[in-house]
Amino acid sequence: MDGLEFYLDGQMKMPIVSYTNTYTTRKFEDIEKGFHKAEWRYVKNEIMAKGKDRAQINVRSIVCI
C-alpha cells in the first residue's frame, strides 16, 4: 500500500495513510519540551503501480506550551 507515515524522533506516530478525499487531523500531546525531529515518509509499494504517487501535507499549526 502506498501512503504517508509520520515519525517523531525516529518513532512512528502515524502509520501509513493511503488515498483519502479529506484531510486527516492528528494531535500529539505526549511530547516533552526540547528539540525534536519531525519526519514524513512517503512509502511506495512497487507491486501496485496505480495512482499519482504523491502526498500532500497541510500543517495549520504547531503549538508549543
PDB file of N, CA and C in Angstrom:
ATOM      1  N   MET A   1       0.842  -1.167   0.000  1.00  0.00           N
ATOM      2  CA  MET A   1       0.000   0.000   0.000  1.00  0.00           C
ATOM      3  C   MET A   1       0.895   1.241   0.000  1.00  0.00           C
ATOM      4  N   ASP A   2       0.575   2.215  -0.809  1.00  0.00           N
ATOM      5  CA  ASP A   2       1.289   3.480  -0.834  1.00  0.00           C
ATOM      6  C   ASP A   2       0.698   4.399   0.217  1.00  0.00           C
ATOM      7  N   GLY A   3       1.494   5.312   0.704  1.00  0.00           N
ATOM      8  CA  GLY A   3       0.944   6.266   1.638  1.00  0.00           C
ATOM      9  C   GLY A   3       1.998   7.027   2.404  1.00  0.00           C
ATOM     10  N   LEU A   4       1.553   7.750   3.395  1.00  0.00           N
ATOM     11  CA  LEU A   4       2.391   8.647   4.162  1.00  0.00           C
ATOM     12  C   LEU A   4       2.493   8.181   5.605  1.00  0.00           C
ATOM     13  N   GLU A   5       3.707   8.226   6.143  1.00  0.00           N
ATOM     14  CA  GLU A   5       3.943   7.896   7.546  1.00  0.00           C
ATOM     15  C   GLU A   5       4.524   9.137   8.223  1.00  0.00           C
ATOM     16  N   PHE A   6       4.289   9.272   9.518  1.00  0.00           N
ATOM     17  CA  PHE A   6       4.859  10.384  10.277  1.00  0.00           C
ATOM     18  C   PHE A   6       5.639   9.831  11.455  1.00  0.00           C
ATOM     19  N   TYR A   7       6.867  10.324  11.608  1.00  0.00           N
ATOM     20  CA  TYR A   7       7.748   9.910  12.698  1.00  0.00           C
ATOM     21  C   TYR A   7       8.133  11.131  13.527  1.00  0.00           C
ATOM     22  N   LEU A   8       8.243  10.942  14.821  1.00  0.00           N
ATOM     23  CA  LEU A   8       8.739  11.971  15.715  1.00  0.00           C
ATOM     24  C   LEU A   8       9.893  11.370  16.496  1.00  0.00           C
ATOM     25  N   ASP A   9      11.072  11.960  16.324  1.00  0.00           N
ATOM     26  CA  ASP A   9      12.294  11.456  16.957  1.00  0.00           C
ATOM     27  C   ASP A   9      12.536   9.980  16.628  1.00  0.00           C
ATOM     28  N   GLY A  10      12.256   9.599  15.383  1.00  0.00           N
ATOM     29  CA  GLY A  10      12.502   8.235  14.930  1.00  0.00           C
ATOM     30  C   GLY A  10      11.437   7.231  15.323  1.00  0.00           C
ATOM     31  N   GLN A  11      10.411   7.664  16.020  1.00  0.00           N
ATOM     32  CA  GLN A  11       9.347   6.765  16.477  1.00  0.00           C
ATOM     33  C   GLN A  11       8.079   7.036  15.659  1.00  0.00           C
ATOM     34  N   MET A  12       7.513   5.973  15.065  1.00  0.00           N
ATOM     35  CA  MET A  12       6.322   6.149  14.246  1.00  0.00           C
ATOM     36  C   MET A  12       5.148   6.621  15.102  1.00  0.00           C
ATOM     37  N   LYS A  13       4.553   7.731  14.680  1.00  0.00           N
ATOM     38  CA  LYS A  13       3.392   8.280  15.382  1.00  0.00           C
ATOM     39  C   LYS A  13       2.116   8.121  14.561  1.00  0.00           C
ATOM     40  N   MET A  14       2.270   7.984  13.250  1.00  0.00           N
ATOM     41  CA  MET A  14       1.118   7.828  12.369  1.00  0.00           C
ATOM     42  C   MET A  14       1.472   6.802  11.306  1.00  0.00           C
ATOM     43  N   PRO A  15       0.806   5.643  11.310  1.00  0.00           N
ATOM     44  CA  PRO A  15       1.097   4.623  10.298  1.00  0.00           C
ATOM     45  C   PRO A  15       0.628   5.076   8.916  1.00  0.00           C
ATOM     46  N   ILE A  16       0.843   4.255   7.939  1.00  0.00           N
ATOM     47  CA  ILE A  16       0.518   4.591   6.552  1.00  0.00           C
ATOM     48  C   ILE A  16      -0.917   5.085   6.414  1.00  0.00           C
ATOM     49  N   VAL A  17      -1.037   6.245   5.790  1.00  0.00           N
ATOM     50  CA  VAL A  17      -2.338   6.801   5.434  1.00  0.00           C
ATOM     51  C   VAL A  17      -2.383   6.776   3.917  1.00  0.00           C
ATOM     52  N   SER A  18      -3.309   6.035   3.374  1.00  0.00           N
ATOM     53  CA  SER A  18      -3.412   5.902   1.928  1.00  0.00           C
ATOM     54  C   SER A  18      -4.366   6.962   1.391  1.00  0.00           C
ATOM     55  N   TYR A  19      -4.698   6.845   0.130  1.00  0.00           N
ATOM     56  CA  TYR A  19      -5.536   7.834  -0.551  1.00  0.00           C
ATOM     57  C   TYR A  19      -6.810   8.145   0.234  1.00  0.00           C
ATOM     58  N   THR A  20      -7.093   9.419   0.353  1.00  0.00           N
ATOM     59  CA  THR A  20      -8.320   9.860   1.004  1.00  0.00           C
ATOM     60  C   THR A  20      -8.772  11.171   0.381  1.00  0.00           C
ATOM     61  N   ASN A  21     -10.058  11.431   0.385  1.00  0.00           N
ATOM     62  CA  ASN A  21     -10.595  12.669  -0.184  1.00  0.00           C
ATOM     63  C   ASN A  21     -10.614  13.812   0.820  1.00  0.00           C
ATOM     64  N   THR A  22     -10.404  13.502   2.074  1.00  0.00           N
ATOM     65  CA  THR A  22     -10.496  14.531   3.104  1.00  0.00           C
ATOM     66  C   THR A  22      -9.185  14.625   3.877  1.00  0.00           C
ATOM     67  N   TYR A  23      -9.033  15.722   4.575  1.00  0.00           N
ATOM     68  CA  TYR A  23      -7.856  15.882   5.427  1.00  0.00           C
ATOM     69  C   TYR A  23      -8.006  15.055   6.684  1.00  0.00           C
ATOM     70  N   THR A  24      -6.899  14.621   7.207  1.00  0.00           N
ATOM     71  CA  THR A  24      -6.874  13.881   8.455  1.00  0.00           C
ATOM     72  C   THR A  24      -6.172  14.744   9.489  1.00  0.00           C
ATOM     73  N   THR A  25      -6.785  14.881  10.648  1.00  0.00           N
ATOM     74  CA  THR A  25      -6.196  15.680  11.715  1.00  0.00           C
ATOM     75  C   THR A  25      -5.571  14.764  12.747  1.00  0.00           C
ATOM     76  N   ARG A  26      -4.365  15.102  13.145  1.00  0.00           N
ATOM     77  CA  ARG A  26      -3.679  14.340  14.189  1.00  0.00           C
ATOM     78  C   ARG A  26      -3.234  15.310  15.271  1.00  0.00           C
ATOM     79  N   LYS A  27      -3.323  14.874  16.513  1.00  0.00           N
ATOM     80  CA  LYS A  27      -2.914  15.692  17.644  1.00  0.00           C
ATOM     81  C   LYS A  27      -2.041  14.835  18.552  1.00  0.00           C
ATOM     82  N   PHE A  28      -0.848  15.336  18.850  1.00  0.00           N
ATOM     83  CA  PHE A  28       0.081  14.618  19.710  1.00  0.00           C
ATOM     84  C   PHE A  28       0.303  15.446  20.963  1.00  0.00           C
ATOM     85  N   GLU A  29      -0.036  14.894  22.116  1.00  0.00           N
ATOM     86  CA  GLU A  29       0.049  15.649  23.361  1.00  0.00           C
ATOM     87  C   GLU A  29       1.139  15.137  24.300  1.00  0.00           C
ATOM     88  N   ASP A  30       1.799  14.066  23.947  1.00  0.00           N
ATOM     89  CA  ASP A  30       2.786  13.459  24.843  1.00  0.00           C
ATOM     90  C   ASP A  30       4.226  13.844  24.477  1.00  0.00           C
ATOM     91  N   ILE A  31       4.423  15.047  23.967  1.00  0.00           N
ATOM     92  CA  ILE A  31       5.741  15.491  23.533  1.00  0.00           C
ATOM     93  C   ILE A  31       6.372  16.346  24.633  1.00  0.00           C
ATOM     94  N   GLU A  32       7.566  15.970  25.041  1.00  0.00           N
ATOM     95  CA  GLU A  32       8.273  16.707  26.081  1.00  0.00           C
ATOM     96  C   GLU A  32       8.912  17.969  25.498  1.00  0.00           C
ATOM     97  N   LYS A  33       9.232  18.935  26.370  1.00  0.00           N
ATOM     98  CA  LYS A  33       9.923  20.151  25.950  1.00  0.00           C
ATOM     99  C   LYS A  33      11.271  19.797  25.342  1.00  0.00           C
ATOM    100  N   GLY A  34      11.716  20.633  24.413  1.00  0.00           N
ATOM    101  CA  GLY A  34      13.027  20.436  23.819  1.00  0.00           C
ATOM    102  C   GLY A  34      12.963  20.358  22.305  1.00  0.00           C
ATOM    103  N   PHE A  35      14.090  20.016  21.709  1.00  0.00           N
ATOM    104  CA  PHE A  35      14.187  19.895  20.260  1.00  0.00           C
ATOM    105  C   PHE A  35      13.745  18.504  19.825  1.00  0.00           C
ATOM    106  N   HIS A  36      13.052  18.449  18.691  1.00  0.00           N
ATOM    107  CA  HIS A  36      12.558  17.184  18.167  1.00  0.00           C
ATOM    108  C   HIS A  36      12.722  17.144  16.653  1.00  0.00           C
ATOM    109  N   LYS A  37      12.796  15.947  16.125  1.00  0.00           N
ATOM    110  CA  LYS A  37      12.879  15.754  14.675  1.00  0.00           C
ATOM    111  C   LYS A  37      11.544  15.208  14.188  1.00  0.00           C
ATOM    112  N   ALA A  38      10.859  15.983  13.339  1.00  0.00           N
ATOM    113  CA  ALA A  38       9.602  15.548  12.729  1.00  0.00           C
ATOM    114  C   ALA A  38       9.910  15.123  11.300  1.00  0.00           C
ATOM    115  N   GLU A  39       9.427  13.934  10.918  1.00  0.00           N
ATOM    116  CA  GLU A  39       9.752  13.378   9.607  1.00  0.00           C
ATOM    117  C   GLU A  39       8.523  12.727   8.988  1.00  0.00           C
ATOM    118  N   TRP A  40       8.231  13.130   7.755  1.00  0.00           N
ATOM    119  CA  TRP A  40       7.168  12.489   6.988  1.00  0.00           C
ATOM    120  C   TRP A  40       7.845  11.625   5.935  1.00  0.00           C
ATOM    121  N   ARG A  41       7.387  10.389   5.780  1.00  0.00           N
ATOM    122  CA  ARG A  41       7.959   9.476   4.780  1.00  0.00           C
ATOM    123  C   ARG A  41       6.853   8.988   3.855  1.00  0.00           C
ATOM    124  N   TYR A  42       7.112   9.094   2.554  1.00  0.00           N
ATOM    125  CA  TYR A  42       6.194   8.531   1.573  1.00  0.00           C
ATOM    126  C   TYR A  42       6.650   7.108   1.288  1.00  0.00           C
ATOM    127  N   VAL A  43       5.762   6.155   1.457  1.00  0.00           N
ATOM    128  CA  VAL A  43       6.071   4.742   1.268  1.00  0.00           C
ATOM    129  C   VAL A  43       5.410   4.275  -0.023  1.00  0.00           C
ATOM    130  N   LYS A  44       6.191   3.683  -0.900  1.00  0.00           N
ATOM    131  CA  LYS A  44       5.701   3.240  -2.204  1.00  0.00           C
ATOM    132  C   LYS A  44       5.766   1.727  -2.309  1.00  0.00           C
ATOM    133  N   ASN A  45       4.645   1.126  -2.674  1.00  0.00           N
ATOM    134  CA  ASN A  45       4.582  -0.302  -2.938  1.00  0.00           C
ATOM    135  C   ASN A  45       4.755  -0.494  -4.441  1.00  0.00           C
ATOM    136  N   GLU A  46       5.859  -1.060  -4.850  1.00  0.00           N
ATOM    137  CA  GLU A  46       6.164  -1.222  -6.275  1.00  0.00           C
ATOM    138  C   GLU A  46       5.232  -2.197  -6.988  1.00  0.00           C
ATOM    139  N   ILE A  47       4.581  -3.064  -6.261  1.00  0.00           N
ATOM    140  CA  ILE A  47       3.700  -4.065  -6.877  1.00  0.00           C
ATOM    141  C   ILE A  47       2.483  -3.399  -7.507  1.00  0.00           C
ATOM    142  N   MET A  48       1.922  -2.415  -6.824  1.00  0.00           N
ATOM    143  CA  MET A  48       0.746  -1.717  -7.345  1.00  0.00           C
ATOM    144  C   MET A  48       1.183  -0.361  -7.889  1.00  0.00           C
ATOM    145  N   ALA A  49       1.303  -0.257  -9.199  1.00  0.00           N
ATOM    146  CA  ALA A  49       1.767   0.981  -9.830  1.00  0.00           C
ATOM    147  C   ALA A  49       0.588   1.838 -10.273  1.00  0.00           C
ATOM    148  N   LYS A  50      -0.362   2.069  -9.382  1.00  0.00           N
ATOM    149  CA  LYS A  50      -1.519   2.905  -9.690  1.00  0.00           C
ATOM    150  C   LYS A  50      -1.427   4.204  -8.908  1.00  0.00           C
ATOM    151  N   GLY A  51      -2.211   5.171  -9.314  1.00  0.00           N
ATOM    152  CA  GLY A  51      -2.297   6.415  -8.563  1.00  0.00           C
ATOM    153  C   GLY A  51      -1.260   7.432  -8.990  1.00  0.00           C
ATOM    154  N   LYS A  52      -1.242   8.538  -8.252  1.00  0.00           N
ATOM    155  CA  LYS A  52      -0.386   9.663  -8.619  1.00  0.00           C
ATOM    156  C   LYS A  52       0.924   9.701  -7.848  1.00  0.00           C
ATOM    157  N   ASP A  53       1.132   8.767  -6.939  1.00  0.00           N
ATOM    158  CA  ASP A  53       2.383   8.685  -6.179  1.00  0.00           C
ATOM    159  C   ASP A  53       2.765  10.024  -5.558  1.00  0.00           C
ATOM    160  N   ARG A  54       1.882  10.560  -4.764  1.00  0.00           N
ATOM    161  CA  ARG A  54       2.157  11.824  -4.094  1.00  0.00           C
ATOM    162  C   ARG A  54       1.397  11.905  -2.779  1.00  0.00           C
ATOM    163  N   ALA A  55       1.829  12.834  -1.963  1.00  0.00           N
ATOM    164  CA  ALA A  55       1.158  13.098  -0.694  1.00  0.00           C
ATOM    165  C   ALA A  55       1.138  14.598  -0.489  1.00  0.00           C
ATOM    166  N   GLN A  56       0.128  15.079   0.197  1.00  0.00           N
ATOM    167  CA  GLN A  56       0.025  16.499   0.485  1.00  0.00           C
ATOM    168  C   GLN A  56      -0.018  16.686   1.995  1.00  0.00           C
ATOM    169  N   ILE A  57       0.824  17.576   2.489  1.00  0.00           N
ATOM    170  CA  ILE A  57       0.864  17.872   3.918  1.00  0.00           C
ATOM    171  C   ILE A  57       0.461  19.323   4.095  1.00  0.00           C
ATOM    172  N   ASN A  58      -0.544  19.545   4.894  1.00  0.00           N
ATOM    173  CA  ASN A  58      -1.026  20.890   5.170  1.00  0.00           C
ATOM    174  C   ASN A  58      -0.960  21.088   6.686  1.00  0.00           C
ATOM    175  N   VAL A  59       0.097  21.758   7.142  1.00  0.00           N
ATOM    176  CA  VAL A  59       0.253  21.996   8.570  1.00  0.00           C
ATOM    177  C   VAL A  59      -0.390  23.324   8.898  1.00  0.00           C
ATOM    178  N   ARG A  60      -1.443  23.279   9.678  1.00  0.00           N
ATOM    179  CA  ARG A  60      -2.152  24.515  10.032  1.00  0.00           C
ATOM    180  C   ARG A  60      -1.545  25.169  11.257  1.00  0.00           C
ATOM    181  N   SER A  61      -1.088  24.363  12.185  1.00  0.00           N
ATOM    182  CA  SER A  61      -0.465  24.966  13.376  1.00  0.00           C
ATOM    183  C   SER A  61       0.376  23.961  14.126  1.00  0.00           C
ATOM    184  N   ILE A  62       1.405  24.474  14.736  1.00  0.00           N
ATOM    185  CA  ILE A  62       2.205  23.719  15.673  1.00  0.00           C
ATOM    186  C   ILE A  62       2.239  24.567  16.940  1.00  0.00           C
ATOM    187  N   VAL A  63       1.674  24.051  18.006  1.00  0.00           N
ATOM    188  CA  VAL A  63       1.550  24.807  19.239  1.00  0.00           C
ATOM    189  C   VAL A  63       2.481  24.220  20.287  1.00  0.00           C
ATOM    190  N   CYS A  64       3.326  25.054  20.842  1.00  0.00           N
ATOM    191  CA  CYS A  64       4.240  24.631  21.908  1.00  0.00           C
ATOM    192  C   CYS A  64       3.836  25.329  23.198  1.00  0.00           C
ATOM    193  N   ILE A  65       3.643  24.549  24.217  1.00  0.00           N
ATOM    194  CA  ILE A  65       3.221  25.122  25.506  1.00  0.00           C
ATOM    195  C   ILE A  65       4.311  24.889  26.539  1.00  0.00           C
TER     196      ILE A  65
END
